Amino acid sequence: MLSYCCSGNANAPAVVFLHGFLGSKDDWSEIILQLKDDFYCISIDLPGHGDNKVISAYELPTPGFNRCAELVAATLSSLNISQFHLVGYSLGGRIALHIAKLYPEQLLSLVLESCHPGLESKADKIARKQNDSAWANKLSTLPISEFLQLWYQQAVFNNLTTTEQHALVLKRSHNNPLVLANCYQATSLAEQGNLWNIPSQLKVASHFIAGHQDSKFMALAKRWQEQQPLSLHCINASGHNVHLAAPQPFSNKLRMLFT
């Protein structure tokens, strides 16, 4: 069972939150603070993250998406949660897509934040695998703080100020790099199947939240919306990590989608 945190009214509709790579269940604390009076909020540490740091307990096969989905489902089952709104950011969103594929009857709605539904060409997958292998090598060999400084210099995080980058490096430096490297390679986008058609397979609403400064994922979401029953929601004054940059608008959007 994965580490988790529950807040709110246990008799209210459940909302499950899945964080991104390098994150933890605590990343959702500001969002949960806004929603816990009206919902039962459950934030879960993904394998290798947060309090799930023992690799022997949470080592993932490659690909590891189905195993992650199974672990999340088992954790929720232990809490007697049978139906829930599912919110996933980045890696958490990609795992949420696998949960939607494996356990569609459990979803009340699906909310994806800055999440990729899968690479479509073999060439893109080969290039991504090479890129992710290089990052995994850095993660396994460099001091964690040095790795994090490099990680947050990527273009997708260019909306972060130097102060915000420094704060994230400090916040993430407690992580176990070897356990993270296992999770990173097992859940590489290169290992993920094509999940573009998941929204049309669900009986519940699918939503995509993107920051207006994140041009890459805004474009991806617009293309996805043209093909599938997916509602796109753009949040101002935010980049890739919308719930971190704009917690109040993000919370307001979730409340509107869930009621």
C-alpha atoms as a PDB file:
ATOM      1  CA  MET A   1       0.000   0.000   0.000  1.00  0.00           C
ATOM      2  CA  LEU A   2       1.244   3.479  -0.861  1.00  0.00           C
ATOM      3  CA  SER A   3       1.629   6.318   1.606  1.00  0.00           C
ATOM      4  CA  TYR A   4      -1.346   8.683   1.635  1.00  0.00           C
ATOM      5  CA  CYS A   5      -3.036  11.566   3.442  1.00  0.00           C
ATOM      6  CA  CYS A   6      -6.794  12.040   3.867  1.00  0.00           C
ATOM      7  CA  SER A   7      -8.581  15.298   4.661  1.00  0.00           C
ATOM      8  CA  GLY A   8     -12.205  16.397   4.761  1.00  0.00           C
ATOM      9  CA  ASN A   9     -15.611  14.823   5.157  1.00  0.00           C
ATOM     10  CA  ALA A  10     -15.479  11.053   4.632  1.00  0.00           C
ATOM     11  CA  ASN A  11     -19.143  11.104   3.578  1.00  0.00           C
ATOM     12  CA  ALA A  12     -18.525  13.636   0.793  1.00  0.00           C
ATOM     13  CA  PRO A  13     -17.453  12.754  -2.771  1.00  0.00           C
ATOM     14  CA  ALA A  14     -13.841  11.558  -2.851  1.00  0.00           C
ATOM     15  CA  VAL A  15     -11.111  13.350  -4.808  1.00  0.00           C
ATOM     16  CA  VAL A  16      -7.805  11.545  -5.401  1.00  0.00           C
ATOM     17  CA  PHE A  17      -4.669  13.584  -6.167  1.00  0.00           C
ATOM     18  CA  LEU A  18      -1.548  12.198  -7.893  1.00  0.00           C
ATOM     19  CA  HIS A  19       1.578  14.380  -7.952  1.00  0.00           C
ATOM     20  CA  GLY A  20       4.274  14.693 -10.605  1.00  0.00           C
ATOM     21  CA  PHE A  21       7.825  13.346 -10.807  1.00  0.00           C
ATOM     22  CA  LEU A  22       9.949  14.436  -7.799  1.00  0.00           C
ATOM     23  CA  GLY A  23       6.810  15.520  -5.923  1.00  0.00           C
ATOM     24  CA  SER A  24       4.853  14.099  -3.006  1.00  0.00           C
ATOM     25  CA  LYS A  25       1.359  13.980  -1.541  1.00  0.00           C
ATOM     26  CA  ASP A  26       2.156  17.247   0.267  1.00  0.00           C
ATOM     27  CA  ASP A  27       2.275  19.112  -3.059  1.00  0.00           C
ATOM     28  CA  TRP A  28      -1.532  19.249  -2.991  1.00  0.00           C
ATOM     29  CA  SER A  29      -1.852  20.766   0.495  1.00  0.00           C
ATOM     30  CA  GLU A  30      -2.983  24.221  -0.664  1.00  0.00           C
ATOM     31  CA  ILE A  31      -5.549  22.740  -3.041  1.00  0.00           C
ATOM     32  CA  ILE A  32      -6.877  20.359  -0.404  1.00  0.00           C
ATOM     33  CA  LEU A  33      -7.168  23.200   2.089  1.00  0.00           C
ATOM     34  CA  GLN A  34      -9.604  24.887  -0.306  1.00  0.00           C
ATOM     35  CA  LEU A  35     -11.652  21.750  -1.037  1.00  0.00           C
ATOM     36  CA  LYS A  36     -11.719  19.681   2.138  1.00  0.00           C
ATOM     37  CA  ASP A  37     -14.941  21.221   3.513  1.00  0.00           C
ATOM     38  CA  ASP A  38     -16.910  19.868   0.566  1.00  0.00           C
ATOM     39  CA  PHE A  39     -14.921  16.811  -0.533  1.00  0.00           C
ATOM     40  CA  TYR A  40     -12.989  13.895   0.907  1.00  0.00           C
ATOM     41  CA  CYS A  41      -9.472  14.572  -0.378  1.00  0.00           C
ATOM     42  CA  ILE A  42      -6.893  11.798  -0.675  1.00  0.00           C
ATOM     43  CA  SER A  43      -3.359  12.608  -1.824  1.00  0.00           C
ATOM     44  CA  ILE A  44      -1.069   9.662  -2.535  1.00  0.00           C
ATOM     45  CA  ASP A  45       2.716   9.314  -2.761  1.00  0.00           C
ATOM     46  CA  LEU A  46       3.664   7.588  -6.000  1.00  0.00           C
ATOM     47  CA  PRO A  47       6.229   4.735  -5.867  1.00  0.00           C
ATOM     48  CA  GLY A  48       9.706   6.023  -5.033  1.00  0.00           C
ATOM     49  CA  HIS A  49       8.327   9.360  -3.837  1.00  0.00           C
ATOM     50  CA  GLY A  50       7.432  10.954  -0.527  1.00  0.00           C
ATOM     51  CA  ASP A  51       7.323   8.285   2.178  1.00  0.00           C
ATOM     52  CA  ASN A  52       7.638   5.432  -0.358  1.00  0.00           C
ATOM     53  CA  LYS A  53      11.430   5.435  -0.404  1.00  0.00           C
ATOM     54  CA  VAL A  54      12.270   1.748   0.105  1.00  0.00           C
ATOM     55  CA  ILE A  55      13.045   0.358  -3.341  1.00  0.00           C
ATOM     56  CA  SER A  56      12.500  -3.280  -2.319  1.00  0.00           C
ATOM     57  CA  ALA A  57       8.884  -2.461  -1.477  1.00  0.00           C
ATOM     58  CA  TYR A  58       8.068  -0.309  -4.499  1.00  0.00           C
ATOM     59  CA  GLU A  59      10.497  -1.308  -7.257  1.00  0.00           C
ATOM     60  CA  LEU A  60       8.702  -1.067 -10.564  1.00  0.00           C
ATOM     61  CA  PRO A  61       9.026  -3.237 -13.672  1.00  0.00           C
ATOM     62  CA  THR A  62       9.537  -1.523 -17.029  1.00  0.00           C
ATOM     63  CA  PRO A  63       7.080  -0.332 -18.109  1.00  0.00           C
ATOM     64  CA  GLY A  64       5.634   0.303 -14.664  1.00  0.00           C
ATOM     65  CA  PHE A  65       2.402   2.198 -15.380  1.00  0.00           C
ATOM     66  CA  ASN A  66       0.012  -0.685 -14.733  1.00  0.00           C
ATOM     67  CA  ARG A  67       1.825  -1.531 -11.491  1.00  0.00           C
ATOM     68  CA  CYS A  68       1.507   2.094 -10.352  1.00  0.00           C
ATOM     69  CA  ALA A  69      -2.206   2.023 -11.194  1.00  0.00           C
ATOM     70  CA  GLU A  70      -2.630  -1.232  -9.265  1.00  0.00           C
ATOM     71  CA  LEU A  71      -0.849   0.197  -6.206  1.00  0.00           C
ATOM     72  CA  VAL A  72      -3.046   3.302  -6.227  1.00  0.00           C
ATOM     73  CA  ALA A  73      -6.173   1.156  -6.618  1.00  0.00           C
ATOM     74  CA  ALA A  74      -5.111  -1.126  -3.758  1.00  0.00           C
ATOM     75  CA  THR A  75      -4.459   1.879  -1.521  1.00  0.00           C
ATOM     76  CA  LEU A  76      -7.909   3.298  -2.251  1.00  0.00           C
ATOM     77  CA  SER A  77      -9.515  -0.104  -1.719  1.00  0.00           C
ATOM     78  CA  SER A  78      -7.926  -0.272   1.741  1.00  0.00           C
ATOM     79  CA  LEU A  79      -9.682   3.035   2.498  1.00  0.00           C
ATOM     80  CA  ASN A  80     -13.013   1.684   1.195  1.00  0.00           C
ATOM     81  CA  ILE A  81     -13.001   4.264  -1.620  1.00  0.00           C
ATOM     82  CA  SER A  82     -14.863   2.747  -4.565  1.00  0.00           C
ATOM     83  CA  GLN A  83     -15.575   5.877  -6.650  1.00  0.00           C
ATOM     84  CA  PHE A  84     -13.693   9.136  -6.901  1.00  0.00           C
ATOM     85  CA  HIS A  85     -12.782  12.185  -8.934  1.00  0.00           C
ATOM     86  CA  LEU A  86      -9.204  11.627 -10.163  1.00  0.00           C
ATOM     87  CA  VAL A  87      -6.728  14.513 -10.516  1.00  0.00           C
ATOM     88  CA  GLY A  88      -3.229  13.887 -11.876  1.00  0.00           C
ATOM     89  CA  TYR A  89      -0.381  16.279 -12.629  1.00  0.00           C
ATOM     90  CA  SER A  90       2.294  15.440 -15.245  1.00  0.00           C
ATOM     91  CA  LEU A  91       3.543  11.931 -14.328  1.00  0.00           C
ATOM     92  CA  GLY A  92       0.546  11.632 -12.003  1.00  0.00           C
ATOM     93  CA  GLY A  93      -1.692  12.462 -14.943  1.00  0.00           C
ATOM     94  CA  ARG A  94      -0.125   9.740 -17.074  1.00  0.00           C
ATOM     95  CA  ILE A  95      -0.685   7.241 -14.273  1.00  0.00           C
ATOM     96  CA  ALA A  96      -4.247   8.588 -13.932  1.00  0.00           C
ATOM     97  CA  LEU A  97      -4.809   7.697 -17.602  1.00  0.00           C
ATOM     98  CA  HIS A  98      -3.782   4.117 -16.830  1.00  0.00           C
ATOM     99  CA  ILE A  99      -6.128   4.038 -13.831  1.00  0.00           C
ATOM    100  CA  ALA A 100      -8.899   5.269 -16.141  1.00  0.00           C
ATOM    101  CA  LYS A 101      -8.046   2.487 -18.584  1.00  0.00           C
ATOM    102  CA  LEU A 102      -7.923  -0.291 -15.960  1.00  0.00           C
ATOM    103  CA  TYR A 103     -10.646   0.883 -13.550  1.00  0.00           C
ATOM    104  CA  PRO A 104     -13.024   3.111 -15.550  1.00  0.00           C
ATOM    105  CA  GLU A 105     -16.048   2.198 -13.414  1.00  0.00           C
ATOM    106  CA  GLN A 106     -14.415   3.786 -10.363  1.00  0.00           C
ATOM    107  CA  LEU A 107     -14.102   7.286 -11.842  1.00  0.00           C
ATOM    108  CA  LEU A 108     -16.527  10.123 -11.183  1.00  0.00           C
ATOM    109  CA  SER A 109     -14.444  12.355 -13.459  1.00  0.00           C
ATOM    110  CA  LEU A 110     -10.904  12.587 -14.829  1.00  0.00           C
ATOM    111  CA  VAL A 111      -8.838  15.779 -14.521  1.00  0.00           C
ATOM    112  CA  LEU A 112      -5.417  15.859 -16.168  1.00  0.00           C
ATOM    113  CA  GLU A 113      -2.972  18.701 -15.501  1.00  0.00           C
ATOM    114  CA  SER A 114      -0.111  19.181 -17.984  1.00  0.00           C
ATOM    115  CA  CYS A 115      -0.195  15.506 -18.935  1.00  0.00           C
ATOM    116  CA  HIS A 116       1.009  13.730 -22.100  1.00  0.00           C
ATOM    117  CA  PRO A 117      -1.246  10.990 -23.526  1.00  0.00           C
ATOM    118  CA  GLY A 118       1.622   9.232 -25.294  1.00  0.00           C
ATOM    119  CA  LEU A 119       4.121   9.590 -28.129  1.00  0.00           C
ATOM    120  CA  GLU A 120       2.773   8.583 -31.518  1.00  0.00           C
ATOM    121  CA  SER A 121       5.888   7.849 -33.593  1.00  0.00           C
ATOM    122  CA  LYS A 122       8.677   5.311 -33.156  1.00  0.00           C
ATOM    123  CA  ALA A 123      11.287   8.014 -33.806  1.00  0.00           C
ATOM    124  CA  ASP A 124       9.897  10.166 -30.999  1.00  0.00           C
ATOM    125  CA  LYS A 125       9.952   7.197 -28.632  1.00  0.00           C
ATOM    126  CA  ILE A 126      13.577   6.382 -29.504  1.00  0.00           C
ATOM    127  CA  ALA A 127      14.626   9.999 -28.955  1.00  0.00           C
ATOM    128  CA  ARG A 128      12.717  10.180 -25.669  1.00  0.00           C
ATOM    129  CA  LYS A 129      14.255   6.945 -24.409  1.00  0.00           C
ATOM    130  CA  GLN A 130      17.755   8.295 -25.075  1.00  0.00           C
ATOM    131  CA  ASN A 131      16.886  11.560 -23.329  1.00  0.00           C
ATOM    132  CA  ASP A 132      15.361   9.827 -20.306  1.00  0.00           C
ATOM    133  CA  SER A 133      18.297   7.422 -20.020  1.00  0.00           C
ATOM    134  CA  ALA A 134      20.645  10.402 -19.844  1.00  0.00           C
ATOM    135  CA  TRP A 135      18.531  12.004 -17.094  1.00  0.00           C
ATOM    136  CA  ALA A 136      18.343   8.703 -15.183  1.00  0.00           C
ATOM    137  CA  ASN A 137      22.135   8.452 -15.339  1.00  0.00           C
ATOM    138  CA  LYS A 138      22.470  11.977 -13.938  1.00  0.00           C
ATOM    139  CA  LEU A 139      19.991  11.125 -11.198  1.00  0.00           C
ATOM    140  CA  SER A 140      21.940   7.992 -10.253  1.00  0.00           C
ATOM    141  CA  THR A 141      25.412   9.560 -10.287  1.00  0.00           C
ATOM    142  CA  LEU A 142      25.136  13.247  -9.358  1.00  0.00           C
ATOM    143  CA  PRO A 143      24.416  14.653  -5.909  1.00  0.00           C
ATOM    144  CA  ILE A 144      20.638  15.096  -5.709  1.00  0.00           C
ATOM    145  CA  SER A 145      20.859  18.887  -5.359  1.00  0.00           C
ATOM    146  CA  GLU A 146      23.036  19.131  -8.482  1.00  0.00           C
ATOM    147  CA  PHE A 147      20.601  16.954 -10.433  1.00  0.00           C
ATOM    148  CA  LEU A 148      17.667  19.106  -9.318  1.00  0.00           C
ATOM    149  CA  GLN A 149      19.389  22.310 -10.372  1.00  0.00           C
ATOM    150  CA  LEU A 150      19.806  20.863 -13.861  1.00  0.00           C
ATOM    151  CA  TRP A 151      16.264  19.460 -13.916  1.00  0.00           C
ATOM    152  CA  TYR A 152      14.572  22.769 -13.205  1.00  0.00           C
ATOM    153  CA  GLN A 153      16.542  24.500 -15.949  1.00  0.00           C
ATOM    154  CA  GLN A 154      14.532  22.622 -18.584  1.00  0.00           C
ATOM    155  CA  ALA A 155      12.405  24.697 -20.941  1.00  0.00           C
ATOM    156  CA  VAL A 156       9.138  23.384 -19.501  1.00  0.00           C
ATOM    157  CA  PHE A 157      10.008  25.134 -16.215  1.00  0.00           C
ATOM    158  CA  ASN A 158      11.156  28.428 -17.743  1.00  0.00           C
ATOM    159  CA  ASN A 159       8.294  30.317 -16.095  1.00  0.00           C
ATOM    160  CA  LEU A 160       9.840  29.679 -12.659  1.00  0.00           C
ATOM    161  CA  THR A 161      11.877  32.489 -11.133  1.00  0.00           C
ATOM    162  CA  THR A 162      15.359  31.807  -9.762  1.00  0.00           C
ATOM    163  CA  THR A 163      13.927  32.006  -6.253  1.00  0.00           C
ATOM    164  CA  GLU A 164      11.186  29.497  -7.094  1.00  0.00           C
ATOM    165  CA  GLN A 165      13.713  27.117  -8.668  1.00  0.00           C
ATOM    166  CA  HIS A 166      15.911  27.354  -5.567  1.00  0.00           C
ATOM    167  CA  ALA A 167      12.921  26.649  -3.313  1.00  0.00           C
ATOM    168  CA  LEU A 168      12.030  23.532  -5.323  1.00  0.00           C
ATOM    169  CA  VAL A 169      15.631  22.285  -5.196  1.00  0.00           C
ATOM    170  CA  LEU A 170      15.594  22.599  -1.392  1.00  0.00           C
ATOM    171  CA  LYS A 171      12.155  20.986  -1.142  1.00  0.00           C
ATOM    172  CA  ARG A 172      13.087  17.978  -3.315  1.00  0.00           C
ATOM    173  CA  SER A 173      16.634  17.370  -2.002  1.00  0.00           C
ATOM    174  CA  HIS A 174      15.462  14.841   0.609  1.00  0.00           C
ATOM    175  CA  ASN A 175      14.474  12.337  -2.097  1.00  0.00           C
ATOM    176  CA  ASN A 176      16.249   9.008  -2.561  1.00  0.00           C
ATOM    177  CA  PRO A 177      17.835   9.297  -6.039  1.00  0.00           C
ATOM    178  CA  LEU A 178      18.178   5.552  -6.703  1.00  0.00           C
ATOM    179  CA  VAL A 179      14.513   4.861  -5.969  1.00  0.00           C
ATOM    180  CA  LEU A 180      13.515   7.846  -8.101  1.00  0.00           C
ATOM    181  CA  ALA A 181      15.690   6.624 -10.963  1.00  0.00           C
ATOM    182  CA  ASN A 182      13.806   3.315 -10.968  1.00  0.00           C
ATOM    183  CA  CYS A 183      10.455   5.103 -11.096  1.00  0.00           C
ATOM    184  CA  TYR A 184      11.668   7.551 -13.728  1.00  0.00           C
ATOM    185  CA  GLN A 185      12.797   4.868 -16.165  1.00  0.00           C
ATOM    186  CA  ALA A 186       9.826   2.586 -15.486  1.00  0.00           C
ATOM    187  CA  THR A 187       7.410   5.434 -16.226  1.00  0.00           C
ATOM    188  CA  SER A 188       9.336   7.040 -19.080  1.00  0.00           C
ATOM    189  CA  LEU A 189       7.126   8.532 -21.761  1.00  0.00           C
ATOM    190  CA  ALA A 190       9.061   6.278 -24.143  1.00  0.00           C
ATOM    191  CA  GLU A 191       7.590   3.259 -22.310  1.00  0.00           C
ATOM    192  CA  GLN A 192       4.025   4.579 -22.320  1.00  0.00           C
ATOM    193  CA  GLY A 193       1.465   3.348 -24.795  1.00  0.00           C
ATOM    194  CA  ASN A 194      -0.847   5.554 -26.846  1.00  0.00           C
ATOM    195  CA  LEU A 195      -3.661   6.684 -24.535  1.00  0.00           C
ATOM    196  CA  TRP A 196      -5.113   9.437 -26.702  1.00  0.00           C
ATOM    197  CA  ASN A 197      -8.445   7.603 -26.969  1.00  0.00           C
ATOM    198  CA  ILE A 198      -9.108   7.191 -23.233  1.00  0.00           C
ATOM    199  CA  PRO A 199     -11.617  10.106 -22.952  1.00  0.00           C
ATOM    200  CA  SER A 200     -13.909   8.525 -25.568  1.00  0.00           C
ATOM    201  CA  GLN A 201     -13.854   5.241 -23.647  1.00  0.00           C
ATOM    202  CA  LEU A 202     -15.071   6.786 -20.386  1.00  0.00           C
ATOM    203  CA  LYS A 203     -18.666   7.371 -19.329  1.00  0.00           C
ATOM    204  CA  VAL A 204     -17.601  10.363 -17.210  1.00  0.00           C
ATOM    205  CA  ALA A 205     -16.226  13.786 -18.142  1.00  0.00           C
ATOM    206  CA  SER A 206     -12.530  14.234 -18.971  1.00  0.00           C
ATOM    207  CA  HIS A 207     -10.808  17.575 -18.402  1.00  0.00           C
ATOM    208  CA  PHE A 208      -7.370  19.002 -19.184  1.00  0.00           C
ATOM    209  CA  ILE A 209      -5.980  21.913 -17.157  1.00  0.00           C
ATOM    210  CA  ALA A 210      -3.025  23.824 -18.600  1.00  0.00           C
ATOM    211  CA  GLY A 211      -1.196  27.012 -17.734  1.00  0.00           C
ATOM    212  CA  HIS A 212      -1.413  29.764 -20.334  1.00  0.00           C
ATOM    213  CA  GLN A 213       2.390  30.167 -20.207  1.00  0.00           C
ATOM    214  CA  ASP A 214       2.932  26.496 -21.061  1.00  0.00           C
ATOM    215  CA  SER A 215       2.741  26.732 -24.845  1.00  0.00           C
ATOM    216  CA  LYS A 216       3.836  23.112 -25.419  1.00  0.00           C
ATOM    217  CA  PHE A 217       1.041  21.539 -23.372  1.00  0.00           C
ATOM    218  CA  MET A 218      -1.564  24.091 -24.421  1.00  0.00           C
ATOM    219  CA  ALA A 219      -0.910  23.097 -28.050  1.00  0.00           C
ATOM    220  CA  LEU A 220      -0.978  19.399 -27.180  1.00  0.00           C
ATOM    221  CA  ALA A 221      -4.255  19.772 -25.272  1.00  0.00           C
ATOM    222  CA  LYS A 222      -5.890  21.678 -28.146  1.00  0.00           C
ATOM    223  CA  ARG A 223      -4.906  18.921 -30.577  1.00  0.00           C
ATOM    224  CA  TRP A 224      -6.206  16.281 -28.177  1.00  0.00           C
ATOM    225  CA  GLN A 225      -9.474  18.180 -27.712  1.00  0.00           C
ATOM    226  CA  GLU A 226     -10.029  18.167 -31.475  1.00  0.00           C
ATOM    227  CA  GLN A 227      -9.907  14.360 -31.485  1.00  0.00           C
ATOM    228  CA  GLN A 228     -11.608  13.386 -28.225  1.00  0.00           C
ATOM    229  CA  PRO A 229     -14.403  14.461 -25.801  1.00  0.00           C
ATOM    230  CA  LEU A 230     -11.965  16.413 -23.645  1.00  0.00           C
ATOM    231  CA  SER A 231     -12.642  19.830 -22.091  1.00  0.00           C
ATOM    232  CA  LEU A 232      -9.667  22.207 -22.011  1.00  0.00           C
ATOM    233  CA  HIS A 233      -9.304  24.732 -19.196  1.00  0.00           C
ATOM    234  CA  CYS A 234      -6.598  27.397 -19.339  1.00  0.00           C
ATOM    235  CA  ILE A 235      -5.414  29.011 -16.087  1.00  0.00           C
ATOM    236  CA  ASN A 236      -3.763  32.429 -16.272  1.00  0.00           C
ATOM    237  CA  ALA A 237      -0.508  33.373 -14.539  1.00  0.00           C
ATOM    238  CA  SER A 238       0.783  29.813 -14.568  1.00  0.00           C
ATOM    239  CA  GLY A 239       3.107  27.509 -16.476  1.00  0.00           C
ATOM    240  CA  HIS A 240       3.541  23.739 -16.385  1.00  0.00           C
ATOM    241  CA  ASN A 241       2.734  23.279 -12.689  1.00  0.00           C
ATOM    242  CA  VAL A 242      -0.586  25.097 -12.504  1.00  0.00           C
ATOM    243  CA  HIS A 243      -1.619  24.060  -8.995  1.00  0.00           C
ATOM    244  CA  LEU A 244       1.684  25.356  -7.588  1.00  0.00           C
ATOM    245  CA  ALA A 245       1.631  28.670  -9.431  1.00  0.00           C
ATOM    246  CA  ALA A 246      -2.095  29.432  -9.120  1.00  0.00           C
ATOM    247  CA  PRO A 247      -3.594  27.354  -6.279  1.00  0.00           C
ATOM    248  CA  GLN A 248      -6.721  29.468  -5.812  1.00  0.00           C
ATOM    249  CA  PRO A 249      -7.827  29.524  -9.482  1.00  0.00           C
ATOM    250  CA  PHE A 250      -6.951  25.840  -9.731  1.00  0.00           C
ATOM    251  CA  SER A 251      -9.069  24.998  -6.681  1.00  0.00           C
ATOM    252  CA  ASN A 252     -11.940  27.113  -7.968  1.00  0.00           C
ATOM    253  CA  LYS A 253     -11.780  25.277 -11.294  1.00  0.00           C
ATOM    254  CA  LEU A 254     -11.874  21.858  -9.611  1.00  0.00           C
ATOM    255  CA  ARG A 255     -14.831  22.885  -7.451  1.00  0.00           C
ATOM    256  CA  MET A 256     -16.716  23.974 -10.574  1.00  0.00           C
ATOM    257  CA  LEU A 257     -15.910  20.711 -12.383  1.00  0.00           C
ATOM    258  CA  PHE A 258     -16.947  18.510  -9.459  1.00  0.00           C
ATOM    259  CA  THR A 259     -20.292  20.150  -8.637  1.00  0.00           C
END
